[in-house]
Amino acid sequence: MAKAAPHERQSQLVDAAMEVIRDRGIINMRIQDVARRAGVSTGTVHYHFTDIDRLIYDVHTWACERFFAKRMAAVTEESDARDQLVRMVRSGLPENADDAVVVAMYEIDLYSRAREDPAHSLLTQALFDRQVALYFSVLQLGAAQGHFTLTAPALDIAQNLVALEDSYGLHIISGNRSTPVERCQELILGYAGAATGWPGPAA
């Protein structure tokens, strides 16, 4: 069997760690759990990540990057701001309660806040700001294309949209039966429609 390249092995271990966080919670995650899930020795995990704190930081970094890359791809596939807006909303929520990437981001964020870890706070803030900037560009484009008549400053709308996604996302991964993914999308799109003066998203 061919030996995995370092970046491939790291990616494999990050994926395994996210699955462990999803299944056991970050408080209960151990290096042994990650190694077992990845099918490698604990020494292999320590080789790529000096300790569990480093592993958690890299998982947080990779999860944020993957999540944002998915959102960026969703927007760049469309040229009409109305389609971009709908795709943004749909890509901003977890696919379901078992979405390992989103669960990892929420778990690590709460864990790091309890420990008052500024490094993780910076990652969370950076992801928020990047998402707001992406929404801002979609709103500005929609106004320029004549599709949107914004009822508030574009920055305010963009920040509200990301905040709504964050809130509903937490309910989704918590298994709240009152907030299935489709319902959360409908509610966020309803706000987007009211904020842009375009009734399409609410339809």
Protein backbone atom coordinates (compact mmCIF):
# COMPACT_ATOMS: atom_id res chain seq x y z
CA MET A 1 0.00 0.00 0.00
CA ALA A 2 1.40 3.42 -0.98
CA LYS A 3 2.35 5.69 1.90
CA ALA A 4 0.10 8.74 2.23
CA ALA A 5 1.67 12.14 1.59
CA PRO A 6 1.95 14.33 4.71
CA HIS A 7 -0.87 16.68 3.69
CA GLU A 8 -3.08 13.71 2.81
CA ARG A 9 -2.42 12.11 6.19
CA GLN A 10 -3.15 15.39 7.96
CA SER A 11 -6.42 15.72 6.07
CA GLN A 12 -7.32 12.16 7.02
CA LEU A 13 -6.61 12.87 10.69
CA VAL A 14 -8.58 16.11 10.65
CA ASP A 15 -11.54 14.28 9.13
CA ALA A 16 -11.26 11.61 11.79
CA ALA A 17 -11.07 14.23 14.55
CA MET A 18 -14.18 16.00 13.25
CA GLU A 19 -16.05 12.70 13.28
CA VAL A 20 -14.95 12.02 16.85
CA ILE A 21 -16.04 15.51 17.92
CA ARG A 22 -19.41 14.93 16.26
CA ASP A 23 -19.89 11.55 17.93
CA ARG A 24 -18.32 12.08 21.36
CA GLY A 25 -18.04 15.84 21.83
CA ILE A 26 -14.81 17.75 22.04
CA ILE A 27 -14.49 17.38 25.80
CA ASN A 28 -14.37 13.60 25.44
CA MET A 29 -12.04 13.51 22.43
CA ARG A 30 -8.70 11.80 22.96
CA ILE A 31 -5.74 11.27 20.66
CA GLN A 32 -6.43 7.52 20.88
CA ASP A 33 -9.97 8.08 19.57
CA VAL A 34 -8.70 9.99 16.56
CA ALA A 35 -6.03 7.38 15.82
CA ARG A 36 -8.58 4.56 16.05
CA ARG A 37 -11.04 6.36 13.78
CA ALA A 38 -8.29 7.07 11.21
CA GLY A 39 -6.89 3.53 11.45
CA VAL A 40 -3.40 4.69 12.47
CA SER A 41 -1.22 4.61 15.58
CA THR A 42 -1.29 7.33 18.23
CA GLY A 43 2.31 8.02 17.26
CA THR A 44 1.17 8.98 13.77
CA VAL A 45 -1.25 11.53 15.22
CA HIS A 46 1.46 12.98 17.47
CA TYR A 47 3.84 13.16 14.51
CA HIS A 48 1.50 15.48 12.61
CA PHE A 49 0.00 17.29 15.62
CA THR A 50 2.28 17.75 18.62
CA ASP A 51 -0.58 17.65 21.13
CA ILE A 52 -4.36 17.67 21.26
CA ASP A 53 -4.53 21.47 21.45
CA ARG A 54 -2.65 21.72 18.17
CA LEU A 55 -4.97 19.14 16.65
CA ILE A 56 -8.05 21.06 17.81
CA TYR A 57 -6.67 24.33 16.41
CA ASP A 58 -5.95 22.75 13.03
CA VAL A 59 -9.37 21.10 12.96
CA HIS A 60 -10.95 24.49 13.64
CA THR A 61 -8.86 26.11 10.90
CA TRP A 62 -9.60 23.42 8.34
CA ALA A 63 -13.33 23.31 9.20
CA CYS A 64 -13.64 27.08 8.75
CA GLU A 65 -11.79 26.95 5.44
CA ARG A 66 -13.89 24.10 4.08
CA PHE A 67 -17.12 25.76 5.15
CA PHE A 68 -16.20 29.08 3.56
CA ALA A 69 -14.89 27.44 0.38
CA LYS A 70 -18.26 25.75 -0.07
CA ARG A 71 -19.99 29.12 0.26
CA MET A 72 -17.63 30.82 -2.15
CA ALA A 73 -18.14 28.06 -4.71
CA ALA A 74 -21.92 28.37 -4.38
CA VAL A 75 -21.76 32.08 -5.21
CA THR A 76 -19.27 31.94 -8.06
CA GLU A 77 -21.41 29.43 -9.94
CA GLU A 78 -24.05 32.12 -10.50
CA SER A 79 -23.95 35.57 -12.10
CA ASP A 80 -27.42 36.74 -11.05
CA ALA A 81 -27.42 38.15 -7.52
CA ARG A 82 -30.84 36.64 -6.82
CA ASP A 83 -29.49 33.16 -7.45
CA GLN A 84 -26.38 33.97 -5.46
CA LEU A 85 -28.48 35.07 -2.49
CA VAL A 86 -30.49 31.85 -2.47
CA ARG A 87 -27.33 29.75 -2.78
CA MET A 88 -25.68 31.70 0.02
CA VAL A 89 -28.55 30.97 2.39
CA ARG A 90 -28.65 27.30 1.50
CA SER A 91 -24.89 26.89 1.90
CA GLY A 92 -24.81 28.69 5.24
CA LEU A 93 -26.60 26.00 7.23
CA PRO A 94 -25.50 22.49 8.19
CA GLU A 95 -26.83 19.78 5.91
CA ASN A 96 -28.23 17.97 8.96
CA ALA A 97 -27.53 17.36 12.64
CA ASP A 98 -24.64 15.05 11.70
CA ASP A 99 -22.72 17.60 9.59
CA ALA A 100 -19.25 16.97 11.04
CA VAL A 101 -17.71 20.21 9.72
CA VAL A 102 -20.33 22.47 11.26
CA VAL A 103 -20.56 20.47 14.49
CA ALA A 104 -16.79 20.80 14.88
CA MET A 105 -16.92 24.57 14.40
CA TYR A 106 -19.65 25.01 17.01
CA GLU A 107 -18.09 22.60 19.51
CA ILE A 108 -14.62 24.13 19.23
CA ASP A 109 -15.98 27.67 19.42
CA LEU A 110 -17.83 26.92 22.67
CA TYR A 111 -14.86 24.98 24.04
CA SER A 112 -12.40 27.77 23.27
CA ARG A 113 -14.67 30.45 24.73
CA ALA A 114 -14.86 28.51 27.99
CA ARG A 115 -11.05 28.45 28.03
CA GLU A 116 -10.81 32.09 26.90
CA ASP A 117 -8.54 31.09 24.03
CA PRO A 118 -7.93 34.14 21.80
CA ALA A 119 -6.50 32.11 18.90
CA HIS A 120 -9.80 30.34 18.33
CA SER A 121 -11.76 33.55 18.83
CA LEU A 122 -9.78 35.09 15.98
CA LEU A 123 -10.66 32.17 13.71
CA THR A 124 -14.36 32.53 14.54
CA GLN A 125 -14.28 36.29 13.98
CA ALA A 126 -12.42 35.91 10.70
CA LEU A 127 -14.97 33.43 9.40
CA PHE A 128 -17.83 35.70 10.41
CA ASP A 129 -16.23 38.70 8.70
CA ARG A 130 -15.53 36.77 5.50
CA GLN A 131 -19.09 35.54 5.30
CA VAL A 132 -20.42 39.04 5.92
CA ALA A 133 -18.17 40.36 3.15
CA LEU A 134 -19.49 37.70 0.78
CA TYR A 135 -23.10 38.58 1.55
CA PHE A 136 -22.25 42.27 1.23
CA SER A 137 -20.92 41.73 -2.29
CA VAL A 138 -24.06 39.79 -3.27
CA LEU A 139 -26.31 42.55 -1.93
CA GLN A 140 -24.33 45.26 -3.68
CA LEU A 141 -24.42 43.31 -6.93
CA GLY A 142 -28.17 42.79 -6.62
CA ALA A 143 -28.71 46.50 -6.13
CA ALA A 144 -26.48 47.29 -9.13
CA GLN A 145 -28.37 44.77 -11.27
CA GLY A 146 -31.66 46.40 -10.30
CA HIS A 147 -33.00 43.32 -8.53
CA PHE A 148 -32.70 44.53 -4.91
CA THR A 149 -33.97 47.62 -3.16
CA LEU A 150 -32.24 47.35 0.18
CA THR A 151 -34.31 48.36 3.21
CA ALA A 152 -31.21 48.84 5.39
CA PRO A 153 -27.47 49.32 4.86
CA ALA A 154 -25.96 46.34 3.07
CA LEU A 155 -23.56 45.71 5.95
CA ASP A 156 -26.41 45.50 8.46
CA ILE A 157 -28.33 43.05 6.29
CA ALA A 158 -25.22 40.94 5.70
CA GLN A 159 -24.41 40.74 9.40
CA ASN A 160 -28.00 39.83 10.26
CA LEU A 161 -28.01 37.06 7.66
CA VAL A 162 -24.85 35.48 9.03
CA ALA A 163 -26.12 35.81 12.59
CA LEU A 164 -29.39 34.11 11.64
CA GLU A 165 -27.46 31.27 10.03
CA ASP A 166 -25.31 30.85 13.13
CA SER A 167 -28.35 30.75 15.39
CA TYR A 168 -30.41 28.37 13.30
CA GLY A 169 -27.36 26.24 12.62
CA LEU A 170 -26.96 25.65 16.35
CA HIS A 171 -30.58 24.53 16.59
CA ILE A 172 -30.10 22.16 13.65
CA ILE A 173 -27.05 20.40 15.06
CA SER A 174 -28.72 20.26 18.48
CA GLY A 175 -31.49 18.21 16.92
CA ASN A 176 -34.28 20.71 17.53
CA ARG A 177 -37.26 19.18 15.74
CA SER A 178 -38.93 22.58 15.45
CA THR A 179 -36.12 23.80 13.20
CA PRO A 180 -35.48 21.33 10.37
CA VAL A 181 -33.05 22.56 7.72
CA GLU A 182 -35.78 23.34 5.20
CA ARG A 183 -37.69 25.46 7.72
CA CYS A 184 -34.56 27.37 8.70
CA GLN A 185 -33.80 28.09 5.05
CA GLU A 186 -37.36 29.31 4.56
CA LEU A 187 -37.14 31.67 7.54
CA ILE A 188 -33.77 33.13 6.53
CA LEU A 189 -34.88 33.54 2.94
CA GLY A 190 -37.99 35.31 4.23
CA TYR A 191 -35.82 37.85 6.02
CA ALA A 192 -33.60 38.17 2.95
CA GLY A 193 -36.63 38.86 0.81
CA ALA A 194 -37.92 41.54 3.17
CA ALA A 195 -34.48 43.13 3.46
CA THR A 196 -33.85 43.25 -0.29
CA GLY A 197 -37.32 44.14 -1.50
CA TRP A 198 -37.26 41.07 -3.69
CA PRO A 199 -40.04 38.57 -2.90
CA GLY A 200 -38.40 35.70 -4.74
CA PRO A 201 -36.42 34.17 -1.85
CA ALA A 202 -39.54 33.92 0.29
CA ALA A 203 -41.44 32.01 -2.41
